[in-house]
Amino acid sequence: MTTNVGKLDRTLRAALGVVLLFLAFFSGMALLDAALFKYGAALIGLIMLATATLKMCPVYTLLGLKTCKDC
């Protein structure tokens, strides 16, 4: 696994992940009462947190993208 996610990208991914997890389980929004949307948001939130933590995005690897300066 090579690093391909930069610092700003990691920060935004982590923030998005936390927000999606919060919305999925604690917001009480009517849209997220449906299981598909609730667990879909939770899954995407977990993926965002995982890619931020691991500093590696499989989609970036497939597309040949890197957002880090020194990798």
PDB file of N, CA and C in Angstrom:
ATOM      1  N   MET A   1       0.831  -1.178   0.000  1.00  0.00           N
ATOM      2  CA  MET A   1       0.000   0.000   0.000  1.00  0.00           C
ATOM      3  C   MET A   1       0.876   1.241   0.000  1.00  0.00           C
ATOM      4  N   THR A   2       0.705   2.063  -1.004  1.00  0.00           N
ATOM      5  CA  THR A   2       1.445   3.313  -1.050  1.00  0.00           C
ATOM      6  C   THR A   2       0.526   4.467  -0.694  1.00  0.00           C
ATOM      7  N   THR A   3       1.087   5.449  -0.043  1.00  0.00           N
ATOM      8  CA  THR A   3       0.333   6.625   0.358  1.00  0.00           C
ATOM      9  C   THR A   3      -0.045   7.444  -0.868  1.00  0.00           C
ATOM     10  N   ASN A   4      -1.311   7.816  -0.978  1.00  0.00           N
ATOM     11  CA  ASN A   4      -1.730   8.671  -2.077  1.00  0.00           C
ATOM     12  C   ASN A   4      -2.766   9.712  -1.646  1.00  0.00           C
ATOM     13  N   VAL A   5      -2.943   9.900  -0.339  1.00  0.00           N
ATOM     14  CA  VAL A   5      -3.897  10.868   0.185  1.00  0.00           C
ATOM     15  C   VAL A   5      -3.141  11.887   1.029  1.00  0.00           C
ATOM     16  N   GLY A   6      -3.251  13.161   0.660  1.00  0.00           N
ATOM     17  CA  GLY A   6      -2.549  14.232   1.356  1.00  0.00           C
ATOM     18  C   GLY A   6      -3.252  14.673   2.632  1.00  0.00           C
ATOM     19  N   LYS A   7      -2.625  15.624   3.334  1.00  0.00           N
ATOM     20  CA  LYS A   7      -3.104  16.065   4.641  1.00  0.00           C
ATOM     21  C   LYS A   7      -4.485  16.723   4.567  1.00  0.00           C
ATOM     22  N   LEU A   8      -4.684  17.643   3.648  1.00  0.00           N
ATOM     23  CA  LEU A   8      -5.982  18.306   3.521  1.00  0.00           C
ATOM     24  C   LEU A   8      -7.056  17.298   3.129  1.00  0.00           C
ATOM     25  N   ASP A   9      -6.734  16.428   2.201  1.00  0.00           N
ATOM     26  CA  ASP A   9      -7.662  15.389   1.762  1.00  0.00           C
ATOM     27  C   ASP A   9      -8.039  14.478   2.935  1.00  0.00           C
ATOM     28  N   ARG A  10      -7.067  14.099   3.748  1.00  0.00           N
ATOM     29  CA  ARG A  10      -7.323  13.254   4.918  1.00  0.00           C
ATOM     30  C   ARG A  10      -8.236  13.948   5.912  1.00  0.00           C
ATOM     31  N   THR A  11      -7.993  15.228   6.136  1.00  0.00           N
ATOM     32  CA  THR A  11      -8.810  15.993   7.075  1.00  0.00           C
ATOM     33  C   THR A  11     -10.253  16.075   6.599  1.00  0.00           C
ATOM     34  N   LEU A  12     -10.439  16.354   5.316  1.00  0.00           N
ATOM     35  CA  LEU A  12     -11.791  16.443   4.769  1.00  0.00           C
ATOM     36  C   LEU A  12     -12.500  15.093   4.789  1.00  0.00           C
ATOM     37  N   ARG A  13     -11.768  14.034   4.494  1.00  0.00           N
ATOM     38  CA  ARG A  13     -12.353  12.689   4.531  1.00  0.00           C
ATOM     39  C   ARG A  13     -12.769  12.319   5.953  1.00  0.00           C
ATOM     40  N   ALA A  14     -11.931  12.617   6.927  1.00  0.00           N
ATOM     41  CA  ALA A  14     -12.254  12.303   8.318  1.00  0.00           C
ATOM     42  C   ALA A  14     -13.481  13.089   8.777  1.00  0.00           C
ATOM     43  N   ALA A  15     -13.538  14.364   8.424  1.00  0.00           N
ATOM     44  CA  ALA A  15     -14.688  15.188   8.803  1.00  0.00           C
ATOM     45  C   ALA A  15     -15.968  14.668   8.154  1.00  0.00           C
ATOM     46  N   LEU A  16     -15.902  14.340   6.877  1.00  0.00           N
ATOM     47  CA  LEU A  16     -17.064  13.799   6.177  1.00  0.00           C
ATOM     48  C   LEU A  16     -17.499  12.471   6.798  1.00  0.00           C
ATOM     49  N   GLY A  17     -16.543  11.631   7.142  1.00  0.00           N
ATOM     50  CA  GLY A  17     -16.869  10.355   7.765  1.00  0.00           C
ATOM     51  C   GLY A  17     -17.591  10.523   9.089  1.00  0.00           C
ATOM     52  N   VAL A  18     -17.104  11.425   9.913  1.00  0.00           N
ATOM     53  CA  VAL A  18     -17.736  11.671  11.216  1.00  0.00           C
ATOM     54  C   VAL A  18     -19.141  12.239  11.021  1.00  0.00           C
ATOM     55  N   VAL A  19     -19.291  13.176  10.104  1.00  0.00           N
ATOM     56  CA  VAL A  19     -20.602  13.779   9.850  1.00  0.00           C
ATOM     57  C   VAL A  19     -21.593  12.732   9.349  1.00  0.00           C
ATOM     58  N   LEU A  20     -21.172  11.883   8.419  1.00  0.00           N
ATOM     59  CA  LEU A  20     -22.073  10.852   7.903  1.00  0.00           C
ATOM     60  C   LEU A  20     -22.476   9.854   8.982  1.00  0.00           C
ATOM     61  N   LEU A  21     -21.543   9.464   9.820  1.00  0.00           N
ATOM     62  CA  LEU A  21     -21.883   8.542  10.913  1.00  0.00           C
ATOM     63  C   LEU A  21     -22.838   9.197  11.904  1.00  0.00           C
ATOM     64  N   PHE A  22     -22.602  10.466  12.207  1.00  0.00           N
ATOM     65  CA  PHE A  22     -23.514  11.179  13.105  1.00  0.00           C
ATOM     66  C   PHE A  22     -24.914  11.260  12.506  1.00  0.00           C
ATOM     67  N   LEU A  23     -24.985  11.647  11.230  1.00  0.00           N
ATOM     68  CA  LEU A  23     -26.290  11.754  10.578  1.00  0.00           C
ATOM     69  C   LEU A  23     -27.009  10.414  10.528  1.00  0.00           C
ATOM     70  N   ALA A  24     -26.268   9.359  10.253  1.00  0.00           N
ATOM     71  CA  ALA A  24     -26.879   8.041  10.135  1.00  0.00           C
ATOM     72  C   ALA A  24     -27.486   7.549  11.450  1.00  0.00           C
ATOM     73  N   PHE A  25     -26.833   7.821  12.569  1.00  0.00           N
ATOM     74  CA  PHE A  25     -27.277   7.212  13.816  1.00  0.00           C
ATOM     75  C   PHE A  25     -27.868   8.164  14.848  1.00  0.00           C
ATOM     76  N   PHE A  26     -27.602   9.461  14.749  1.00  0.00           N
ATOM     77  CA  PHE A  26     -28.056  10.361  15.804  1.00  0.00           C
ATOM     78  C   PHE A  26     -28.883  11.547  15.335  1.00  0.00           C
ATOM     79  N   SER A  27     -29.039  11.753  14.032  1.00  0.00           N
ATOM     80  CA  SER A  27     -29.696  12.969  13.569  1.00  0.00           C
ATOM     81  C   SER A  27     -31.211  12.909  13.645  1.00  0.00           C
ATOM     82  N   GLY A  28     -31.805  11.750  13.433  1.00  0.00           N
ATOM     83  CA  GLY A  28     -33.255  11.639  13.443  1.00  0.00           C
ATOM     84  C   GLY A  28     -33.901  12.188  12.175  1.00  0.00           C
ATOM     85  N   MET A  29     -33.119  12.391  11.133  1.00  0.00           N
ATOM     86  CA  MET A  29     -33.678  12.895   9.877  1.00  0.00           C
ATOM     87  C   MET A  29     -34.609  11.843   9.271  1.00  0.00           C
ATOM     88  N   ALA A  30     -35.700  12.303   8.676  1.00  0.00           N
ATOM     89  CA  ALA A  30     -36.683  11.396   8.089  1.00  0.00           C
ATOM     90  C   ALA A  30     -36.076  10.565   6.959  1.00  0.00           C
ATOM     91  N   LEU A  31     -35.203  11.166   6.163  1.00  0.00           N
ATOM     92  CA  LEU A  31     -34.574  10.448   5.051  1.00  0.00           C
ATOM     93  C   LEU A  31     -33.781   9.248   5.542  1.00  0.00           C
ATOM     94  N   LEU A  32     -33.148   9.404   6.689  1.00  0.00           N
ATOM     95  CA  LEU A  32     -32.290   8.338   7.203  1.00  0.00           C
ATOM     96  C   LEU A  32     -33.038   7.319   8.057  1.00  0.00           C
ATOM     97  N   ASP A  33     -34.380   7.402   8.073  1.00  0.00           N
ATOM     98  CA  ASP A  33     -35.166   6.361   8.733  1.00  0.00           C
ATOM     99  C   ASP A  33     -35.175   5.084   7.905  1.00  0.00           C
ATOM    100  N   ALA A  34     -35.033   5.226   6.595  1.00  0.00           N
ATOM    101  CA  ALA A  34     -34.974   4.054   5.717  1.00  0.00           C
ATOM    102  C   ALA A  34     -33.624   3.365   5.911  1.00  0.00           C
ATOM    103  N   ALA A  35     -33.658   2.060   6.041  1.00  0.00           N
ATOM    104  CA  ALA A  35     -32.430   1.299   6.321  1.00  0.00           C
ATOM    105  C   ALA A  35     -31.378   1.486   5.233  1.00  0.00           C
ATOM    106  N   LEU A  36     -31.803   1.539   3.975  1.00  0.00           N
ATOM    107  CA  LEU A  36     -30.854   1.689   2.873  1.00  0.00           C
ATOM    108  C   LEU A  36     -30.032   2.964   3.021  1.00  0.00           C
ATOM    109  N   PHE A  37     -30.684   4.072   3.303  1.00  0.00           N
ATOM    110  CA  PHE A  37     -29.968   5.344   3.435  1.00  0.00           C
ATOM    111  C   PHE A  37     -29.160   5.407   4.722  1.00  0.00           C
ATOM    112  N   LYS A  38     -29.729   4.877   5.811  1.00  0.00           N
ATOM    113  CA  LYS A  38     -29.023   4.912   7.098  1.00  0.00           C
ATOM    114  C   LYS A  38     -27.716   4.124   7.024  1.00  0.00           C
ATOM    115  N   TYR A  39     -27.805   2.879   6.570  1.00  0.00           N
ATOM    116  CA  TYR A  39     -26.615   2.040   6.541  1.00  0.00           C
ATOM    117  C   TYR A  39     -25.703   2.382   5.360  1.00  0.00           C
ATOM    118  N   GLY A  40     -26.263   2.947   4.318  1.00  0.00           N
ATOM    119  CA  GLY A  40     -25.439   3.447   3.215  1.00  0.00           C
ATOM    120  C   GLY A  40     -24.565   4.601   3.670  1.00  0.00           C
ATOM    121  N   ALA A  41     -25.171   5.544   4.407  1.00  0.00           N
ATOM    122  CA  ALA A  41     -24.413   6.679   4.945  1.00  0.00           C
ATOM    123  C   ALA A  41     -23.361   6.204   5.939  1.00  0.00           C
ATOM    124  N   ALA A  42     -23.719   5.227   6.766  1.00  0.00           N
ATOM    125  CA  ALA A  42     -22.768   4.698   7.744  1.00  0.00           C
ATOM    126  C   ALA A  42     -21.599   4.009   7.045  1.00  0.00           C
ATOM    127  N   LEU A  43     -21.887   3.232   6.005  1.00  0.00           N
ATOM    128  CA  LEU A  43     -20.826   2.542   5.271  1.00  0.00           C
ATOM    129  C   LEU A  43     -19.885   3.533   4.593  1.00  0.00           C
ATOM    130  N   ILE A  44     -20.436   4.535   3.958  1.00  0.00           N
ATOM    131  CA  ILE A  44     -19.595   5.545   3.308  1.00  0.00           C
ATOM    132  C   ILE A  44     -18.789   6.309   4.352  1.00  0.00           C
ATOM    133  N   GLY A  45     -19.390   6.605   5.497  1.00  0.00           N
ATOM    134  CA  GLY A  45     -18.669   7.269   6.584  1.00  0.00           C
ATOM    135  C   GLY A  45     -17.499   6.436   7.077  1.00  0.00           C
ATOM    136  N   LEU A  46     -17.717   5.137   7.234  1.00  0.00           N
ATOM    137  CA  LEU A  46     -16.625   4.255   7.668  1.00  0.00           C
ATOM    138  C   LEU A  46     -15.524   4.168   6.615  1.00  0.00           C
ATOM    139  N   ILE A  47     -15.897   4.123   5.360  1.00  0.00           N
ATOM    140  CA  ILE A  47     -14.897   4.092   4.290  1.00  0.00           C
ATOM    141  C   ILE A  47     -14.076   5.376   4.282  1.00  0.00           C
ATOM    142  N   MET A  48     -14.732   6.508   4.467  1.00  0.00           N
ATOM    143  CA  MET A  48     -14.011   7.790   4.516  1.00  0.00           C
ATOM    144  C   MET A  48     -13.031   7.816   5.693  1.00  0.00           C
ATOM    145  N   LEU A  49     -13.463   7.343   6.842  1.00  0.00           N
ATOM    146  CA  LEU A  49     -12.567   7.305   8.002  1.00  0.00           C
ATOM    147  C   LEU A  49     -11.406   6.339   7.778  1.00  0.00           C
ATOM    148  N   ALA A  50     -11.668   5.207   7.151  1.00  0.00           N
ATOM    149  CA  ALA A  50     -10.608   4.226   6.894  1.00  0.00           C
ATOM    150  C   ALA A  50      -9.576   4.772   5.918  1.00  0.00           C
ATOM    151  N   THR A  51     -10.028   5.416   4.840  1.00  0.00           N
ATOM    152  CA  THR A  51      -9.067   5.953   3.875  1.00  0.00           C
ATOM    153  C   THR A  51      -8.273   7.110   4.475  1.00  0.00           C
ATOM    154  N   ALA A  52      -8.897   7.874   5.361  1.00  0.00           N
ATOM    155  CA  ALA A  52      -8.168   8.952   6.034  1.00  0.00           C
ATOM    156  C   ALA A  52      -7.120   8.387   6.982  1.00  0.00           C
ATOM    157  N   THR A  53      -7.461   7.339   7.691  1.00  0.00           N
ATOM    158  CA  THR A  53      -6.539   6.726   8.644  1.00  0.00           C
ATOM    159  C   THR A  53      -5.378   6.021   7.949  1.00  0.00           C
ATOM    160  N   LEU A  54      -5.684   5.292   6.884  1.00  0.00           N
ATOM    161  CA  LEU A  54      -4.655   4.526   6.180  1.00  0.00           C
ATOM    162  C   LEU A  54      -3.845   5.353   5.188  1.00  0.00           C
ATOM    163  N   LYS A  55      -4.278   6.566   4.910  1.00  0.00           N
ATOM    164  CA  LYS A  55      -3.614   7.465   3.952  1.00  0.00           C
ATOM    165  C   LYS A  55      -3.556   6.853   2.553  1.00  0.00           C
ATOM    166  N   MET A  56      -4.525   6.004   2.237  1.00  0.00           N
ATOM    167  CA  MET A  56      -4.529   5.331   0.939  1.00  0.00           C
ATOM    168  C   MET A  56      -5.961   5.180   0.454  1.00  0.00           C
ATOM    169  N   CYS A  57      -6.193   5.585  -0.786  1.00  0.00           N
ATOM    170  CA  CYS A  57      -7.511   5.474  -1.395  1.00  0.00           C
ATOM    171  C   CYS A  57      -7.410   4.548  -2.610  1.00  0.00           C
ATOM    172  N   PRO A  58      -8.130   3.434  -2.603  1.00  0.00           N
ATOM    173  CA  PRO A  58      -8.076   2.514  -3.736  1.00  0.00           C
ATOM    174  C   PRO A  58      -8.555   3.138  -5.048  1.00  0.00           C
ATOM    175  N   VAL A  59      -9.521   4.032  -4.984  1.00  0.00           N
ATOM    176  CA  VAL A  59     -10.013   4.696  -6.201  1.00  0.00           C
ATOM    177  C   VAL A  59      -8.923   5.588  -6.784  1.00  0.00           C
ATOM    178  N   TYR A  60      -8.208   6.308  -5.921  1.00  0.00           N
ATOM    179  CA  TYR A  60      -7.093   7.129  -6.394  1.00  0.00           C
ATOM    180  C   TYR A  60      -6.033   6.251  -7.061  1.00  0.00           C
ATOM    181  N   THR A  61      -5.780   5.069  -6.497  1.00  0.00           N
ATOM    182  CA  THR A  61      -4.798   4.154  -7.068  1.00  0.00           C
ATOM    183  C   THR A  61      -5.217   3.736  -8.473  1.00  0.00           C
ATOM    184  N   LEU A  62      -6.477   3.388  -8.643  1.00  0.00           N
ATOM    185  CA  LEU A  62      -6.985   2.980  -9.958  1.00  0.00           C
ATOM    186  C   LEU A  62      -6.887   4.103 -10.988  1.00  0.00           C
ATOM    187  N   LEU A  63      -7.139   5.338 -10.525  1.00  0.00           N
ATOM    188  CA  LEU A  63      -7.105   6.484 -11.431  1.00  0.00           C
ATOM    189  C   LEU A  63      -5.725   7.117 -11.564  1.00  0.00           C
ATOM    190  N   GLY A  64      -4.766   6.667 -10.756  1.00  0.00           N
ATOM    191  CA  GLY A  64      -3.413   7.210 -10.812  1.00  0.00           C
ATOM    192  C   GLY A  64      -3.297   8.596 -10.191  1.00  0.00           C
ATOM    193  N   LEU A  65      -4.150   8.914  -9.231  1.00  0.00           N
ATOM    194  CA  LEU A  65      -4.145  10.229  -8.587  1.00  0.00           C
ATOM    195  C   LEU A  65      -3.389  10.192  -7.269  1.00  0.00           C
ATOM    196  N   LYS A  66      -2.811  11.321  -6.917  1.00  0.00           N
ATOM    197  CA  LYS A  66      -2.156  11.495  -5.614  1.00  0.00           C
ATOM    198  C   LYS A  66      -2.414  12.919  -5.169  1.00  0.00           C
ATOM    199  N   THR A  67      -2.797  13.094  -3.909  1.00  0.00           N
ATOM    200  CA  THR A  67      -2.997  14.435  -3.370  1.00  0.00           C
ATOM    201  C   THR A  67      -1.938  14.812  -2.350  1.00  0.00           C
ATOM    202  N   CYS A  68      -0.949  13.950  -2.167  1.00  0.00           N
ATOM    203  CA  CYS A  68       0.133  14.263  -1.241  1.00  0.00           C
ATOM    204  C   CYS A  68       1.338  14.786  -2.023  1.00  0.00           C
ATOM    205  N   LYS A  69       2.053  15.688  -1.396  1.00  0.00           N
ATOM    206  CA  LYS A  69       3.190  16.328  -2.062  1.00  0.00           C
ATOM    207  C   LYS A  69       4.432  15.436  -2.108  1.00  0.00           C
ATOM    208  N   ASP A  70       4.676  14.712  -1.032  1.00  0.00           N
ATOM    209  CA  ASP A  70       5.948  13.987  -0.900  1.00  0.00           C
ATOM    210  C   ASP A  70       5.792  12.471  -1.003  1.00  0.00           C
ATOM    211  N   CYS A  71       4.852  11.997  -1.785  1.00  0.00           N
ATOM    212  CA  CYS A  71       4.715  10.543  -1.909  1.00  0.00           C
ATOM    213  C   CYS A  71       4.915  10.100  -3.347  1.00  0.00           C
TER     214      CYS A  71
END
